[in-house]
């Protein structure tokens, strides 16, 4: 029997899964790695940890499912996007990776915007701002602050590409990542050469991977060394994946124009599918062909969401019982009895793209308890999503439902709040592990079992539940949402880093 191996390289851990061609997960194992948080909204990880965790998690899955390496026909993986690595000629990291949530390159992002290059149409129709998370600002930060590392680097790439190099020996980037975050033009001249030339680092193009492959395309097969480490064989195909959230779109079955996708985890990401490109203020994209051929993707995102819940747990001493908090919070009325949370704990990605903005909890009284803050955090994050969907709508893209995947789906309360604040039905497929399911579909497609990605979705994505918005709660949230929107301009000067 043939199996598919996937890996989901997230913010806090890497999870490997084994799937059948029918979309059934037969084994799953996660290995955690460390994130080092530094002052200045910096966050770093060791690339070697990613590889070590992939090896351990893969071997654990094979053992748990009693599957031999020669039964694994293909593999694909989704990883965090904008996690930038600098590698030497052997493919080893020269320094810790600058994680996606690392926004130290804010000044460099401003330099990128100041070039006025035509590729900046992806950043709010050229009006910006440019996010400090993206590849080019981070590469410029390395050149300006660690020139020795920049000059020595043979390859500057992302988490996804590091694994590909370790697995196949190929310097290959994903069209998904480069079209999404590197200002790559798939339907034009390719790399953003004029942009990096204007920034005084034309050599960066030569440091980027020499090949670009679309999701679902076979990059190669495992090298003998990587096959031995993983417990697989050199016949195993490595199929191109991409950014976890975008591959999650496939796993949720969001492939048709007009559909909306919400990927949850440490962050929230919102995506829509369209057959025609559009560019609008407060919206990123549209990106050509980065998930599906002949379709465009529009994007919004929140930098810190689930990570705020984790922060709250740490803040109260690790004693936060999520089940108990959900139960108590569900008994509160919309608005958490006067509490409003601004969800910018690690800056704002969209619609403001302000790396210097910070989180806030407003309206506190001595009567409030932890479950009030717990619900207010979920509401604040949901308001952040609503603000992004409003920006989509202002730009001309309006969805009729939201399909959700990721960790937040474990809270029925949070899903109801999302439905109520957005005023849209929320759909949760049978398997909410969207990046892994999407990777499984890509691997099966690359192995030749499905002629298109859409065919794979039809075969492997199973329906789940639908949560309808509550009209009464919708009306109550409208007033609270207006107060939430007023927080950003009111606090911008006081809370900027």
Protein backbone atom coordinates (compact mmCIF):
# COMPACT_ATOMS: atom_id res chain seq x y z
CA UNK A 1 0.00 0.00 0.00
CA UNK A 2 1.30 3.46 -0.94
CA UNK A 3 1.52 6.29 1.57
CA UNK A 4 2.16 10.02 1.47
CA UNK A 5 4.40 11.80 4.01
CA UNK A 6 3.78 15.40 4.98
CA UNK A 7 5.44 17.86 7.32
CA UNK A 8 4.03 21.05 8.78
CA UNK A 9 6.88 23.25 9.98
CA UNK A 10 5.13 25.74 12.21
CA UNK A 11 6.16 28.45 14.62
CA UNK A 12 6.66 26.18 17.62
CA UNK A 13 7.12 22.67 16.22
CA UNK A 14 7.31 20.43 13.18
CA UNK A 15 4.59 17.81 12.78
CA UNK A 16 4.95 14.89 10.37
CA UNK A 17 1.94 12.91 9.20
CA UNK A 18 1.39 9.80 7.08
CA UNK A 19 -1.66 9.73 4.81
CA UNK A 20 -3.36 7.23 2.56
CA UNK A 21 -4.39 8.32 -0.93
CA UNK A 22 -7.97 8.62 0.37
CA UNK A 23 -6.90 11.39 2.77
CA UNK A 24 -6.85 9.30 5.94
CA UNK A 25 -4.12 10.18 8.44
CA UNK A 26 -2.61 6.95 9.83
CA UNK A 27 0.15 8.48 11.97
CA UNK A 28 1.08 11.87 13.37
CA UNK A 29 4.02 13.01 15.48
CA UNK A 30 5.27 16.46 16.50
CA UNK A 31 8.69 17.60 17.68
CA UNK A 32 9.09 21.03 19.26
CA UNK A 33 11.92 23.47 18.66
CA UNK A 34 12.98 26.61 20.46
CA UNK A 35 12.27 30.17 19.46
CA UNK A 36 14.54 32.83 20.93
CA UNK A 37 12.81 36.19 21.42
CA UNK A 38 15.07 39.24 21.56
CA UNK A 39 14.42 42.91 22.18
CA UNK A 40 13.28 44.94 19.20
CA UNK A 41 10.52 42.48 18.19
CA UNK A 42 13.13 39.94 17.06
CA UNK A 43 12.59 36.18 16.91
CA UNK A 44 15.10 33.53 15.80
CA UNK A 45 15.33 29.75 15.35
CA UNK A 46 18.12 27.29 14.54
CA UNK A 47 17.63 25.70 11.10
CA UNK A 48 19.40 22.54 12.23
CA UNK A 49 16.56 22.08 14.73
CA UNK A 50 14.06 21.96 11.87
CA UNK A 51 15.98 19.16 10.19
CA UNK A 52 16.49 17.22 13.40
CA UNK A 53 12.76 17.46 14.16
CA UNK A 54 11.82 16.33 10.65
CA UNK A 55 14.01 13.25 11.05
CA UNK A 56 12.63 12.37 14.49
CA UNK A 57 9.00 13.02 13.55
CA UNK A 58 9.22 11.02 10.31
CA UNK A 59 10.77 8.01 11.98
CA UNK A 60 8.18 8.17 14.75
CA UNK A 61 5.34 8.16 12.19
CA UNK A 62 6.79 5.18 10.32
CA UNK A 63 7.10 3.25 13.57
CA UNK A 64 3.62 4.16 14.82
CA UNK A 65 1.95 3.13 11.56
CA UNK A 66 4.22 0.11 11.03
CA UNK A 67 5.02 1.42 7.55
CA UNK A 68 8.31 0.70 5.80
CA UNK A 69 10.24 3.42 4.01
CA UNK A 70 9.70 1.92 0.57
CA UNK A 71 5.93 2.32 0.99
CA UNK A 72 6.22 6.12 1.11
CA UNK A 73 5.77 7.19 -2.46
CA UNK A 74 6.08 10.96 -2.13
CA UNK A 75 6.37 13.75 0.39
CA UNK A 76 5.49 17.44 0.51
CA UNK A 77 5.68 19.99 3.29
CA UNK A 78 4.41 23.38 4.34
CA UNK A 79 6.46 25.73 6.48
CA UNK A 80 6.30 29.19 7.98
CA UNK A 81 6.76 31.90 5.36
CA UNK A 82 9.26 34.79 5.60
CA UNK A 83 11.52 32.77 7.90
CA UNK A 84 14.79 33.77 6.22
CA UNK A 85 18.02 31.76 6.40
CA UNK A 86 21.59 32.48 5.22
CA UNK A 87 23.49 29.33 4.19
CA UNK A 88 27.13 28.61 3.37
CA UNK A 89 28.33 26.57 0.37
CA UNK A 90 27.58 23.34 2.25
CA UNK A 91 23.98 24.37 2.91
CA UNK A 92 24.61 24.97 6.63
CA UNK A 93 23.21 28.02 8.41
CA UNK A 94 25.61 30.89 9.02
CA UNK A 95 23.41 32.35 11.73
CA UNK A 96 20.01 31.67 13.34
CA UNK A 97 17.06 32.20 11.00
CA UNK A 98 15.09 35.44 11.13
CA UNK A 99 11.59 34.16 11.80
CA UNK A 100 8.46 35.33 10.03
CA UNK A 101 7.38 37.30 13.11
CA UNK A 102 10.75 39.04 13.36
CA UNK A 103 10.24 42.68 12.39
CA UNK A 104 13.71 44.11 13.04
CA UNK A 105 13.87 45.15 9.36
CA UNK A 106 11.29 47.90 9.71
CA UNK A 107 13.70 50.64 8.60
CA UNK A 108 14.76 48.48 5.66
CA UNK A 109 11.12 47.95 4.71
CA UNK A 110 10.76 51.71 4.46
CA UNK A 111 13.80 51.77 2.15
CA UNK A 112 12.15 49.16 -0.06
CA UNK A 113 8.97 51.26 -0.30
CA UNK A 114 10.99 54.38 -1.08
CA UNK A 115 12.32 52.81 -4.29
CA UNK A 116 8.87 53.15 -5.85
CA UNK A 117 9.58 50.02 -7.89
CA UNK A 118 6.70 48.71 -9.99
CA UNK A 119 6.74 45.39 -8.12
CA UNK A 120 5.41 47.20 -5.06
CA UNK A 121 1.94 46.99 -6.57
CA UNK A 122 1.61 43.87 -4.37
CA UNK A 123 1.83 46.11 -1.29
CA UNK A 124 -1.54 47.83 -1.12
CA UNK A 125 -1.49 48.85 -4.80
CA UNK A 126 1.94 50.42 -4.36
CA UNK A 127 0.89 52.67 -1.51
CA UNK A 128 2.56 50.43 1.05
CA UNK A 129 3.66 50.08 3.66
CA UNK A 130 6.05 47.22 2.95
CA UNK A 131 6.13 44.63 5.73
CA UNK A 132 9.33 44.13 7.69
CA UNK A 133 8.54 40.39 7.60
CA UNK A 134 9.23 39.96 3.87
CA UNK A 135 12.36 38.57 2.23
CA UNK A 136 13.90 41.69 0.68
CA UNK A 137 13.78 43.89 3.83
CA UNK A 138 15.34 41.06 5.87
CA UNK A 139 18.05 40.46 3.28
CA UNK A 140 18.80 44.20 3.27
CA UNK A 141 18.99 44.15 7.08
CA UNK A 142 21.60 41.38 6.85
CA UNK A 143 23.62 43.33 4.31
CA UNK A 144 23.54 46.51 6.38
CA UNK A 145 24.02 45.02 9.86
CA UNK A 146 25.86 41.72 9.29
CA UNK A 147 27.75 42.29 6.03
CA UNK A 148 30.14 39.43 6.72
CA UNK A 149 27.24 36.97 6.92
CA UNK A 150 25.62 38.44 3.82
CA UNK A 151 28.82 38.27 1.76
CA UNK A 152 29.68 34.73 2.88
CA UNK A 153 26.19 33.40 2.17
CA UNK A 154 26.00 31.24 -0.93
CA UNK A 155 22.24 30.95 -0.51
CA UNK A 156 19.69 33.25 1.10
CA UNK A 157 16.32 31.54 1.17
CA UNK A 158 13.48 30.40 3.44
CA UNK A 159 12.66 27.53 5.80
CA UNK A 160 10.92 25.70 2.92
CA UNK A 161 13.98 25.93 0.67
CA UNK A 162 16.35 24.85 3.44
CA UNK A 163 14.46 21.57 3.83
CA UNK A 164 14.37 21.09 0.05
CA UNK A 165 18.13 21.53 -0.14
CA UNK A 166 18.70 19.07 2.71
CA UNK A 167 16.33 16.51 1.15
CA UNK A 168 17.27 16.71 -2.53
CA UNK A 169 20.46 18.74 -2.85
CA UNK A 170 18.54 21.18 -5.09
CA UNK A 171 18.67 24.97 -4.64
CA UNK A 172 14.98 25.27 -5.44
CA UNK A 173 12.46 27.84 -4.20
CA UNK A 174 8.69 27.51 -4.12
CA UNK A 175 6.72 29.71 -6.51
CA UNK A 176 4.31 29.99 -3.61
CA UNK A 177 6.85 31.72 -1.38
CA UNK A 178 8.66 33.83 -3.96
CA UNK A 179 5.44 35.01 -5.60
CA UNK A 180 4.01 35.77 -2.18
CA UNK A 181 6.93 37.42 -0.36
CA UNK A 182 9.87 38.01 -2.72
CA UNK A 183 8.09 40.25 -5.30
CA UNK A 184 8.63 37.55 -7.93
CA UNK A 185 6.62 38.02 -11.14
CA UNK A 186 5.62 34.61 -12.47
CA UNK A 187 3.95 36.05 -15.56
CA UNK A 188 6.63 38.60 -16.34
CA UNK A 189 10.38 38.98 -15.83
CA UNK A 190 10.75 36.78 -12.76
CA UNK A 191 13.03 38.06 -10.01
CA UNK A 192 12.65 41.64 -8.76
CA UNK A 193 16.06 42.64 -10.17
CA UNK A 194 15.30 46.34 -10.53
CA UNK A 195 14.13 46.47 -6.91
CA UNK A 196 17.26 44.89 -5.41
CA UNK A 197 19.44 46.94 -7.79
CA UNK A 198 17.85 50.12 -6.44
CA UNK A 199 18.68 48.94 -2.91
CA UNK A 200 22.35 48.46 -3.77
CA UNK A 201 22.41 44.68 -3.48
CA UNK A 202 22.19 43.25 -7.02
CA UNK A 203 24.16 40.20 -5.85
CA UNK A 204 21.12 39.02 -3.88
CA UNK A 205 19.56 37.56 -7.03
CA UNK A 206 22.53 35.19 -7.37
CA UNK A 207 22.17 34.17 -3.74
CA UNK A 208 18.54 33.18 -4.21
CA UNK A 209 17.80 29.59 -5.30
CA UNK A 210 18.51 28.98 -8.98
CA UNK A 211 15.22 27.19 -9.65
CA UNK A 212 11.56 27.99 -8.92
CA UNK A 213 8.95 25.19 -8.77
CA UNK A 214 5.18 25.54 -8.44
CA UNK A 215 3.23 23.72 -5.71
CA UNK A 216 2.63 20.14 -6.82
CA UNK A 217 5.70 20.03 -9.07
CA UNK A 218 8.25 17.27 -8.41
CA UNK A 219 11.55 18.83 -7.29
CA UNK A 220 13.45 15.56 -7.25
CA UNK A 221 13.97 12.50 -5.10
CA UNK A 222 15.69 12.01 -1.76
CA UNK A 223 19.45 11.92 -1.68
CA UNK A 224 20.99 8.73 -0.23
CA UNK A 225 22.01 10.68 2.88
CA UNK A 226 18.57 12.20 3.53
CA UNK A 227 16.79 8.91 2.74
CA UNK A 228 18.92 7.10 5.30
CA UNK A 229 18.33 9.78 7.93
CA UNK A 230 14.55 9.69 7.46
CA UNK A 231 14.19 5.94 7.12
CA UNK A 232 12.90 6.28 3.54
CA UNK A 233 14.36 5.41 0.12
CA UNK A 234 15.86 7.35 -2.77
CA UNK A 235 12.72 6.54 -4.77
CA UNK A 236 10.61 8.86 -2.59
CA UNK A 237 9.59 11.91 -4.63
CA UNK A 238 9.92 15.36 -3.06
CA UNK A 239 7.01 17.49 -4.26
CA UNK A 240 7.01 21.26 -3.95
CA UNK A 241 4.91 22.71 -1.16
CA UNK A 242 5.03 26.25 0.16
CA UNK A 243 3.90 28.60 2.90
CA UNK A 244 1.86 26.80 5.54
CA UNK A 245 -1.18 29.05 5.29
CA UNK A 246 -1.35 28.98 1.50
CA UNK A 247 -0.95 25.22 1.34
CA UNK A 248 -3.66 25.19 4.00
CA UNK A 249 -6.04 26.68 1.43
CA UNK A 250 -5.73 23.47 -0.54
CA UNK A 251 -6.27 21.37 2.58
CA UNK A 252 -9.47 23.29 3.33
CA UNK A 253 -10.74 22.96 -0.22
CA UNK A 254 -10.77 26.72 -0.87
CA UNK A 255 -10.11 26.87 -4.60
CA UNK A 256 -13.02 28.69 -6.25
CA UNK A 257 -13.41 32.42 -6.89
CA UNK A 258 -15.42 34.10 -4.13
CA UNK A 259 -14.38 31.71 -1.37
CA UNK A 260 -12.65 32.99 1.78
CA UNK A 261 -10.09 31.07 3.80
CA UNK A 262 -8.99 31.67 7.40
CA UNK A 263 -5.91 29.81 8.62
CA UNK A 264 -5.41 29.96 12.39
CA UNK A 265 -2.48 29.15 14.60
CA UNK A 266 0.09 31.44 16.17
CA UNK A 267 -1.16 33.94 13.60
CA UNK A 268 -4.31 34.38 11.49
CA UNK A 269 -4.16 34.59 7.70
CA UNK A 270 -7.05 35.44 5.39
CA UNK A 271 -7.11 34.56 1.67
CA UNK A 272 -9.46 34.80 -1.27
CA UNK A 273 -9.37 33.25 -4.75
CA UNK A 274 -10.04 35.32 -7.85
CA UNK A 275 -9.73 34.78 -11.60
CA UNK A 276 -8.78 38.42 -12.22
CA UNK A 277 -6.11 40.38 -10.35
CA UNK A 278 -6.88 43.44 -8.25
CA UNK A 279 -4.78 45.60 -5.97
CA UNK A 280 -6.15 47.69 -3.11
CA UNK A 281 -5.00 49.63 -0.06
CA UNK A 282 -4.81 47.42 3.03
CA UNK A 283 -4.78 44.24 0.93
CA UNK A 284 -1.75 42.25 -0.23
CA UNK A 285 -1.64 40.74 -3.70
CA UNK A 286 -3.11 39.72 -5.98
CA UNK A 287 -0.53 36.97 -6.56
CA UNK A 288 -0.55 35.03 -9.83
CA UNK A 289 -0.54 31.21 -9.87
CA UNK A 290 1.03 30.81 -6.43
CA UNK A 291 -1.42 28.09 -5.37
CA UNK A 292 -3.53 27.17 -8.39
CA UNK A 293 -2.69 27.67 -12.08
CA UNK A 294 -4.54 30.52 -13.79
CA UNK A 295 -5.92 31.90 -10.52
CA UNK A 296 -4.91 34.77 -8.25
CA UNK A 297 -4.77 34.97 -4.46
CA UNK A 298 -5.55 38.05 -2.34
CA UNK A 299 -4.31 38.21 1.23
CA UNK A 300 -4.64 39.73 4.66
CA UNK A 301 -3.08 38.65 7.93
CA UNK A 302 -2.67 39.18 11.66
CA UNK A 303 0.80 38.68 13.15
CA UNK A 304 -0.22 37.52 16.63
CA UNK A 305 -3.42 35.61 17.41
CA UNK A 306 -3.05 32.16 18.94
CA UNK A 307 0.28 33.40 20.26
CA UNK A 308 -1.67 35.94 22.36
CA UNK A 309 -3.62 33.08 23.95
CA UNK A 310 -0.29 31.41 24.74
CA UNK A 311 1.00 34.70 26.14
CA UNK A 312 -2.06 34.92 28.40
CA UNK A 313 -1.36 31.43 29.69
CA UNK A 314 2.22 32.41 30.54
CA UNK A 315 1.05 35.70 32.02
CA UNK A 316 -1.23 34.00 34.56
CA UNK A 317 1.51 31.55 35.54
CA UNK A 318 0.70 28.64 33.25
CA UNK A 319 -2.49 27.81 35.16
CA UNK A 320 -4.90 28.68 32.32
CA UNK A 321 -7.32 25.80 31.74
CA UNK A 322 -8.59 26.31 28.18
CA UNK A 323 -11.72 24.19 28.63
CA UNK A 324 -12.68 26.00 31.82
CA UNK A 325 -11.89 29.39 30.28
CA UNK A 326 -14.03 28.62 27.24
CA UNK A 327 -16.93 27.58 29.45
CA UNK A 328 -16.75 30.70 31.62
CA UNK A 329 -16.14 33.01 28.67
CA UNK A 330 -19.11 31.58 26.78
CA UNK A 331 -21.39 32.74 29.62
CA UNK A 332 -20.33 36.37 29.10
CA UNK A 333 -22.19 38.71 26.75
CA UNK A 334 -20.58 40.02 23.54
CA UNK A 335 -18.11 42.73 24.49
CA UNK A 336 -16.69 40.96 27.55
CA UNK A 337 -18.39 43.45 29.86
CA UNK A 338 -16.46 46.46 28.63
CA UNK A 339 -13.08 44.95 27.69
CA UNK A 340 -11.58 45.55 24.26
CA UNK A 341 -8.23 44.09 23.15
CA UNK A 342 -6.10 45.51 20.36
CA UNK A 343 -4.44 42.42 18.90
CA UNK A 344 -1.18 44.03 17.73
CA UNK A 345 1.07 42.26 20.25
CA UNK A 346 3.74 41.75 17.56
CA UNK A 347 2.77 44.65 15.30
CA UNK A 348 0.05 44.75 12.65
CA UNK A 349 0.37 42.96 9.32
CA UNK A 350 -2.82 44.21 7.63
CA UNK A 351 -4.76 46.37 7.04
CA UNK A 352 -2.30 48.88 8.58
CA UNK A 353 1.04 47.07 8.04
CA UNK A 354 2.54 48.76 11.07
CA UNK A 355 5.37 46.85 12.69
CA UNK A 356 5.61 49.45 15.45
CA UNK A 357 2.02 49.13 16.69
CA UNK A 358 1.51 47.25 19.95
CA UNK A 359 -1.22 45.39 21.78
CA UNK A 360 -3.52 46.89 24.38
CA UNK A 361 -6.19 45.77 26.84
CA UNK A 362 -8.62 48.60 27.50
CA UNK A 363 -11.62 49.01 29.81
CA UNK A 364 -10.21 47.02 32.74
CA UNK A 365 -11.92 47.27 36.12
CA UNK A 366 -11.39 45.48 39.42
CA UNK A 367 -14.44 43.35 38.63
CA UNK A 368 -12.83 41.69 35.62
CA UNK A 369 -11.44 38.17 35.91
CA UNK A 370 -9.15 36.09 33.68
CA UNK A 371 -12.04 34.67 31.65
CA UNK A 372 -13.09 38.21 30.75
CA UNK A 373 -9.63 38.85 29.31
CA UNK A 374 -9.70 35.43 27.63
CA UNK A 375 -12.92 36.24 25.76
CA UNK A 376 -11.81 39.81 25.02
CA UNK A 377 -8.64 38.44 23.39
CA UNK A 378 -10.71 36.17 21.13
CA UNK A 379 -13.02 39.04 20.29
CA UNK A 380 -10.14 41.43 19.57
CA UNK A 381 -8.53 38.94 17.22
CA UNK A 382 -11.90 38.36 15.52
CA UNK A 383 -12.30 42.12 15.10
CA UNK A 384 -8.87 42.17 13.48
CA UNK A 385 -10.11 39.58 11.00
CA UNK A 386 -13.26 41.64 10.37
CA UNK A 387 -11.11 44.72 9.61
CA UNK A 388 -9.22 42.72 6.98
CA UNK A 389 -12.42 41.40 5.39
CA UNK A 390 -13.69 44.99 5.29
CA UNK A 391 -10.50 45.97 3.40
CA UNK A 392 -11.14 43.09 0.97
CA UNK A 393 -14.68 44.35 0.46
CA UNK A 394 -13.54 47.94 -0.07
CA UNK A 395 -11.15 46.63 -2.73
CA UNK A 396 -13.94 44.82 -4.54
CA UNK A 397 -13.66 41.27 -3.16
CA UNK A 398 -16.51 39.96 -1.03
CA UNK A 399 -16.94 36.39 0.16
CA UNK A 400 -20.08 34.61 1.21
CA UNK A 401 -18.58 32.22 3.76
CA UNK A 402 -15.33 31.57 5.64
CA UNK A 403 -13.65 28.17 5.67
CA UNK A 404 -11.43 27.82 8.75
CA UNK A 405 -8.58 25.50 9.67
CA UNK A 406 -5.97 25.32 12.39
CA UNK A 407 -5.81 25.40 16.17
CA UNK A 408 -8.58 27.93 16.81
CA UNK A 409 -11.17 25.47 15.46
CA UNK A 410 -10.84 23.57 18.75
CA UNK A 411 -12.83 26.37 20.40
CA UNK A 412 -16.46 26.39 19.30
CA UNK A 413 -16.86 29.68 21.15
CA UNK A 414 -14.10 31.33 19.11
CA UNK A 415 -15.58 30.03 15.85
CA UNK A 416 -18.97 31.45 16.86
CA UNK A 417 -17.36 34.80 17.67
CA UNK A 418 -15.71 34.81 14.23
CA UNK A 419 -19.07 34.09 12.59
CA UNK A 420 -20.81 36.79 14.64
CA UNK A 421 -18.20 39.51 14.14
CA UNK A 422 -17.79 38.83 10.39
CA UNK A 423 -21.49 38.22 9.81
CA UNK A 424 -20.66 35.15 7.69
CA UNK A 425 -21.12 31.39 8.06
CA UNK A 426 -18.01 29.57 9.23
CA UNK A 427 -17.21 26.18 7.69
CA UNK A 428 -14.83 23.70 9.34
CA UNK A 429 -13.88 20.66 7.21
CA UNK A 430 -13.63 17.21 8.76
CA UNK A 431 -9.85 17.57 8.95
CA UNK A 432 -8.86 21.02 10.28
CA UNK A 433 -5.14 20.21 9.84
CA UNK A 434 -5.14 22.25 6.66
CA UNK A 435 -1.41 22.59 5.81
CA UNK A 436 -0.86 18.84 6.27
CA UNK A 437 -3.92 17.90 4.20
CA UNK A 438 -2.88 20.38 1.53
CA UNK A 439 0.61 18.91 1.47
CA UNK A 440 -0.86 15.41 1.13
CA UNK A 441 -2.93 16.52 -1.87
CA UNK A 442 0.14 18.10 -3.49
CA UNK A 443 2.27 15.01 -2.88
CA UNK A 444 -0.41 12.72 -4.35
CA UNK A 445 -0.78 15.05 -7.34
CA UNK A 446 2.98 15.17 -7.87
CA UNK A 447 3.14 11.39 -7.67
CA UNK A 448 0.62 11.18 -10.52
CA UNK A 449 -2.50 10.06 -8.67
CA UNK A 450 -4.48 13.22 -9.52
CA UNK A 451 -4.21 15.14 -12.77
CA UNK A 452 -4.96 18.47 -11.04
CA UNK A 453 -4.87 19.87 -7.52
CA UNK A 454 -8.63 20.44 -7.77
CA UNK A 455 -9.14 16.73 -8.45
CA UNK A 456 -7.14 15.93 -5.34
CA UNK A 457 -9.32 18.29 -3.28
CA UNK A 458 -12.47 16.52 -4.48
CA UNK A 459 -11.05 13.14 -3.47
CA UNK A 460 -9.40 13.96 -0.14
CA UNK A 461 -11.13 16.93 1.56
CA UNK A 462 -14.19 15.81 3.52
CA UNK A 463 -17.03 18.14 4.69
CA UNK A 464 -17.42 18.99 8.37
CA UNK A 465 -19.61 21.47 10.27
CA UNK A 466 -21.11 24.88 9.51
CA UNK A 467 -21.55 27.56 12.20
CA UNK A 468 -24.10 30.23 11.34
CA UNK A 469 -23.83 33.79 12.72
CA UNK A 470 -26.25 34.79 15.47
CA UNK A 471 -28.18 37.93 14.34
CA UNK A 472 -28.55 39.21 17.92
CA UNK A 473 -24.82 38.87 18.63
CA UNK A 474 -23.99 40.44 15.26
CA UNK A 475 -25.95 43.55 16.24
CA UNK A 476 -24.28 43.73 19.65
CA UNK A 477 -20.81 43.41 18.14
CA UNK A 478 -21.27 46.28 15.70
CA UNK A 479 -20.90 48.91 18.44
CA UNK A 480 -17.95 47.13 20.04
CA UNK A 481 -16.27 46.77 16.64
CA UNK A 482 -16.48 50.53 16.06
CA UNK A 483 -14.76 51.11 19.41
CA UNK A 484 -12.09 48.55 18.43
CA UNK A 485 -11.43 50.41 15.17
CA UNK A 486 -11.02 53.66 17.11
CA UNK A 487 -8.22 52.18 19.24
CA UNK A 488 -5.53 52.07 16.54
CA UNK A 489 -5.49 55.77 15.62
CA UNK A 490 -5.98 56.74 19.28
CA UNK A 491 -3.10 54.62 20.55
CA UNK A 492 -0.74 54.79 17.56
CA UNK A 493 1.55 57.43 19.02
CA UNK A 494 1.44 56.17 22.59
CA UNK A 495 2.05 52.48 21.87
CA UNK A 496 4.50 52.57 18.95
CA UNK A 497 7.72 50.75 19.76
